[in-house]
Amino acid sequence: MILGAASILVTVLIYVVSSHLYRYKPIMILSPLIITPVALAVLLLTSRIQFETYNAGAHWLSDMLQPATIAFAIPLSKHFDLVKKHAVQIIVSVLTGSAVAVASSMWLAKALHLDSQLIFSLIPHSATTPIAMAVSQSIGGIPTITAIAVMITGIFGSLIGPFVIRLCNIRNDIARGVLLGTSAHGAGTSKAFEFGSLTGTVSSISMIMAAVITLFITPWILKAFL
């Protein structure tokens, strides 16, 4: 019980400290999305604490992802009319982005001559973790590897996304939201809210849509490639 509470406290403390550090010096390497998991990994390895022991308490933080996702409905209610107005553009963009993500992952993995089970594990990396793991398991992948791929995708997507936005001079809130939500799911949505409430709202919608679309299109794309 005590160790479980300590796990939560340490995790939150590392995240808060890294967040303040990132605000002071906003460079990619100091992002809390990188510092927190790396610091926790080093801590567990040096202290020889088993992950199962740490996760006995820290899993409550992961469980909070579900109500946090539902909370995205709050900003959605504020921008519902505007989102409804651009619904067609959002749907087409997310559908295209999701299809390209799945197809390009498969093509790149096959080009690198990866094992088929590993390929199936990497294909759904652009969906949120629960759906990505479900898709991976249904097509013969390894859900654990899929979870790691999703995490890496989210971290790098949220870090590279703003750079792409600046490079391409993307000023439209709808476009920014679709880009971050489709490519970097939860981590991208968190970054999207830094651009504004509308961008974050569109990103959260795009994230959910991308997960559902990935769930349905993956078997079809598999048939096309295999």
Protein backbone atom coordinates (compact mmCIF):
# COMPACT_ATOMS: atom_id res chain seq x y z
CA MET A 1 0.00 0.00 0.00
CA ILE A 2 2.76 2.42 1.01
CA LEU A 3 4.88 1.51 -2.04
CA GLY A 4 1.83 1.95 -4.29
CA ALA A 5 1.20 5.45 -2.97
CA ALA A 6 4.91 6.23 -3.35
CA SER A 7 4.76 5.11 -7.01
CA ILE A 8 2.00 7.58 -7.77
CA LEU A 9 3.71 10.38 -5.82
CA VAL A 10 7.08 9.86 -7.54
CA THR A 11 5.50 9.69 -11.01
CA VAL A 12 3.49 12.88 -10.49
CA LEU A 13 6.48 14.65 -8.94
CA ILE A 14 8.75 13.82 -11.88
CA TYR A 15 6.08 14.99 -14.33
CA VAL A 16 5.49 18.28 -12.48
CA VAL A 17 9.21 19.05 -12.24
CA SER A 18 9.80 18.22 -15.91
CA SER A 19 6.77 20.32 -16.91
CA HIS A 20 8.16 23.36 -15.11
CA LEU A 21 11.56 22.72 -16.68
CA TYR A 22 9.95 22.50 -20.13
CA ARG A 23 8.12 25.80 -19.62
CA TYR A 24 11.40 27.44 -18.65
CA LYS A 25 13.33 25.89 -21.56
CA PRO A 26 10.85 24.60 -24.22
CA ILE A 27 13.16 22.36 -26.22
CA MET A 28 12.26 18.89 -27.52
CA ILE A 29 14.64 16.90 -25.32
CA LEU A 30 13.16 18.43 -22.14
CA SER A 31 9.56 17.52 -22.93
CA PRO A 32 7.77 15.83 -19.98
CA LEU A 33 6.72 13.10 -22.41
CA ILE A 34 10.39 12.15 -22.74
CA ILE A 35 11.80 13.08 -19.33
CA THR A 36 9.11 11.30 -17.27
CA PRO A 37 9.33 7.77 -18.78
CA VAL A 38 13.13 7.95 -19.04
CA ALA A 39 13.50 9.09 -15.43
CA LEU A 40 11.12 6.38 -14.22
CA ALA A 41 12.95 3.71 -16.22
CA VAL A 42 16.30 4.78 -14.75
CA LEU A 43 14.80 4.86 -11.26
CA LEU A 44 13.35 1.35 -11.55
CA LEU A 45 16.55 -0.07 -13.03
CA THR A 46 18.88 1.49 -10.45
CA SER A 47 16.66 0.66 -7.48
CA ARG A 48 15.90 -2.83 -8.86
CA ILE A 49 12.20 -2.39 -8.24
CA GLN A 50 10.09 -4.74 -10.35
CA PHE A 51 7.71 -3.04 -12.79
CA GLU A 52 4.81 -5.08 -11.38
CA THR A 53 5.56 -3.66 -7.93
CA TYR A 54 5.70 -0.11 -9.24
CA ASN A 55 2.58 -0.55 -11.37
CA ALA A 56 0.59 -1.89 -8.41
CA GLY A 57 0.12 1.72 -7.38
CA ALA A 58 0.89 3.69 -10.53
CA HIS A 59 -1.73 1.86 -12.62
CA TRP A 60 -4.31 4.26 -11.17
CA LEU A 61 -2.77 7.00 -13.28
CA SER A 62 -3.31 4.90 -16.43
CA ASP A 63 -6.88 4.17 -15.35
CA MET A 64 -7.55 7.90 -15.28
CA LEU A 65 -7.10 8.02 -19.07
CA GLN A 66 -10.69 6.85 -19.54
CA PRO A 67 -12.41 9.68 -17.64
CA ALA A 68 -9.86 12.10 -19.10
CA THR A 69 -10.92 11.06 -22.61
CA ILE A 70 -14.57 11.59 -21.71
CA ALA A 71 -13.66 15.06 -20.43
CA PHE A 72 -12.85 16.04 -24.04
CA ALA A 73 -16.63 16.35 -24.48
CA ILE A 74 -16.55 19.62 -22.49
CA PRO A 75 -14.65 21.72 -25.08
CA LEU A 76 -16.56 19.88 -27.82
CA SER A 77 -19.83 21.29 -26.48
CA LYS A 78 -18.37 24.79 -26.72
CA HIS A 79 -17.33 24.44 -30.37
CA PHE A 80 -20.00 22.02 -31.56
CA ASP A 81 -21.45 24.32 -34.25
CA LEU A 82 -18.06 25.10 -35.76
CA VAL A 83 -16.99 21.45 -35.72
CA LYS A 84 -20.30 20.46 -37.33
CA LYS A 85 -19.71 23.03 -40.06
CA HIS A 86 -16.36 21.43 -40.97
CA ALA A 87 -17.44 17.83 -40.34
CA VAL A 88 -16.88 16.67 -43.93
CA GLN A 89 -13.34 18.07 -44.09
CA ILE A 90 -12.47 16.52 -40.73
CA ILE A 91 -13.86 13.09 -41.65
CA VAL A 92 -12.13 12.99 -45.06
CA SER A 93 -8.83 14.18 -43.59
CA VAL A 94 -8.83 11.69 -40.72
CA LEU A 95 -9.88 8.83 -43.00
CA THR A 96 -7.07 9.64 -45.42
CA GLY A 97 -4.50 10.08 -42.66
CA SER A 98 -5.46 6.83 -40.94
CA ALA A 99 -5.35 4.85 -44.18
CA VAL A 100 -1.95 6.29 -45.09
CA ALA A 101 -0.62 5.54 -41.59
CA VAL A 102 -1.64 1.88 -41.75
CA ALA A 103 -0.55 1.36 -45.39
CA SER A 104 2.79 3.17 -45.01
CA SER A 105 3.60 1.24 -41.81
CA MET A 106 2.98 -2.04 -43.58
CA TRP A 107 4.95 -1.01 -46.64
CA LEU A 108 7.94 0.20 -44.61
CA ALA A 109 7.93 -2.88 -42.37
CA LYS A 110 7.84 -5.20 -45.39
CA ALA A 111 10.61 -3.20 -47.08
CA LEU A 112 12.76 -3.78 -43.99
CA HIS A 113 11.91 -7.52 -44.14
CA LEU A 114 10.51 -7.59 -40.61
CA ASP A 115 8.85 -10.67 -39.20
CA SER A 116 5.13 -10.87 -40.05
CA GLN A 117 4.11 -10.87 -36.39
CA LEU A 118 6.17 -7.74 -35.81
CA ILE A 119 4.57 -6.12 -38.87
CA PHE A 120 1.09 -6.85 -37.49
CA SER A 121 2.19 -5.35 -34.16
CA LEU A 122 3.33 -2.07 -35.74
CA ILE A 123 0.45 -1.49 -38.18
CA PRO A 124 -2.06 0.11 -35.76
CA HIS A 125 0.49 2.42 -34.08
CA SER A 126 -1.47 5.59 -34.90
CA ALA A 127 -4.57 4.56 -32.92
CA THR A 128 -5.03 5.09 -29.19
CA THR A 129 -3.51 2.36 -27.03
CA PRO A 130 -6.62 0.26 -26.12
CA ILE A 131 -7.89 0.06 -29.70
CA ALA A 132 -4.40 -0.36 -31.17
CA MET A 133 -3.74 -3.32 -28.87
CA ALA A 134 -7.12 -4.85 -29.74
CA VAL A 135 -6.43 -4.49 -33.47
CA SER A 136 -2.94 -5.94 -33.04
CA GLN A 137 -4.24 -8.99 -31.20
CA SER A 138 -7.05 -9.58 -33.72
CA ILE A 139 -4.65 -9.66 -36.71
CA GLY A 140 -1.94 -11.74 -35.04
CA GLY A 141 0.37 -9.09 -33.59
CA ILE A 142 1.90 -8.70 -30.14
CA PRO A 143 -0.12 -6.17 -28.09
CA THR A 144 2.84 -5.29 -25.83
CA ILE A 145 4.97 -4.25 -28.80
CA THR A 146 1.99 -2.35 -30.19
CA ALA A 147 1.65 -0.40 -26.93
CA ILE A 148 5.31 0.61 -27.12
CA ALA A 149 4.90 1.67 -30.77
CA VAL A 150 1.85 3.75 -29.85
CA MET A 151 3.75 5.46 -27.05
CA ILE A 152 6.70 6.29 -29.32
CA THR A 153 4.34 7.55 -32.03
CA GLY A 154 2.54 9.80 -29.57
CA ILE A 155 5.72 11.26 -28.10
CA PHE A 156 7.45 12.00 -31.39
CA GLY A 157 4.21 13.11 -33.05
CA SER A 158 3.58 15.66 -30.34
CA LEU A 159 7.17 16.90 -30.60
CA ILE A 160 7.48 16.97 -34.39
CA GLY A 161 3.89 18.13 -35.04
CA PRO A 162 4.43 21.75 -33.91
CA PHE A 163 7.59 21.90 -36.04
CA VAL A 164 5.61 20.75 -39.11
CA ILE A 165 2.92 23.31 -38.32
CA ARG A 166 5.49 26.11 -38.22
CA LEU A 167 7.36 24.82 -41.28
CA CYS A 168 4.19 24.63 -43.38
CA ASN A 169 2.78 27.81 -41.83
CA ILE A 170 -0.49 26.08 -40.88
CA ARG A 171 -2.66 28.70 -39.20
CA ASN A 172 -6.07 27.04 -39.44
CA ASP A 173 -7.22 25.59 -36.09
CA ILE A 174 -9.13 22.77 -37.78
CA ALA A 175 -6.07 21.70 -39.80
CA ARG A 176 -3.81 21.84 -36.75
CA GLY A 177 -6.21 19.75 -34.71
CA VAL A 178 -6.62 17.08 -37.40
CA LEU A 179 -2.86 16.86 -37.88
CA LEU A 180 -2.05 16.36 -34.20
CA GLY A 181 -5.03 14.17 -33.30
CA THR A 182 -4.70 11.82 -36.25
CA SER A 183 -0.95 11.38 -36.08
CA ALA A 184 -0.20 11.52 -32.35
CA HIS A 185 -3.49 10.58 -30.58
CA GLY A 186 -3.55 11.47 -26.85
CA ALA A 187 -0.12 13.09 -26.65
CA GLY A 188 -0.86 15.11 -29.79
CA THR A 189 -4.20 16.20 -28.37
CA SER A 190 -2.51 17.41 -25.21
CA LYS A 191 -0.14 19.47 -27.37
CA ALA A 192 -3.07 20.68 -29.52
CA PHE A 193 -4.73 22.35 -26.54
CA GLU A 194 -1.62 24.50 -26.22
CA PHE A 195 -2.59 26.04 -29.58
CA GLY A 196 -6.10 26.77 -28.36
CA SER A 197 -9.39 25.24 -27.26
CA LEU A 198 -10.70 24.75 -30.81
CA THR A 199 -7.50 23.05 -32.00
CA GLY A 200 -7.59 20.73 -28.99
CA THR A 201 -11.27 19.93 -29.53
CA VAL A 202 -10.74 19.01 -33.18
CA SER A 203 -7.69 16.98 -32.20
CA SER A 204 -9.68 14.98 -29.64
CA ILE A 205 -12.37 14.23 -32.23
CA SER A 206 -9.72 13.27 -34.78
CA MET A 207 -8.02 10.99 -32.26
CA ILE A 208 -11.24 9.07 -31.56
CA MET A 209 -12.17 8.90 -35.24
CA ALA A 210 -8.70 7.70 -36.21
CA ALA A 211 -8.93 4.88 -33.67
CA VAL A 212 -12.33 3.72 -34.96
CA ILE A 213 -11.27 4.03 -38.61
CA THR A 214 -8.06 2.08 -37.95
CA LEU A 215 -10.11 -0.67 -36.33
CA PHE A 216 -12.22 -1.10 -39.48
CA ILE A 217 -9.76 -0.45 -42.31
CA THR A 218 -6.81 -2.50 -41.06
CA PRO A 219 -8.23 -5.91 -42.15
CA TRP A 220 -9.03 -4.50 -45.62
CA ILE A 221 -5.56 -3.04 -46.10
CA LEU A 222 -4.03 -6.32 -44.90
CA LYS A 223 -5.93 -8.18 -47.60
CA ALA A 224 -4.71 -5.69 -50.20
CA PHE A 225 -1.05 -6.06 -49.24
CA LEU A 226 -0.86 -9.75 -48.41
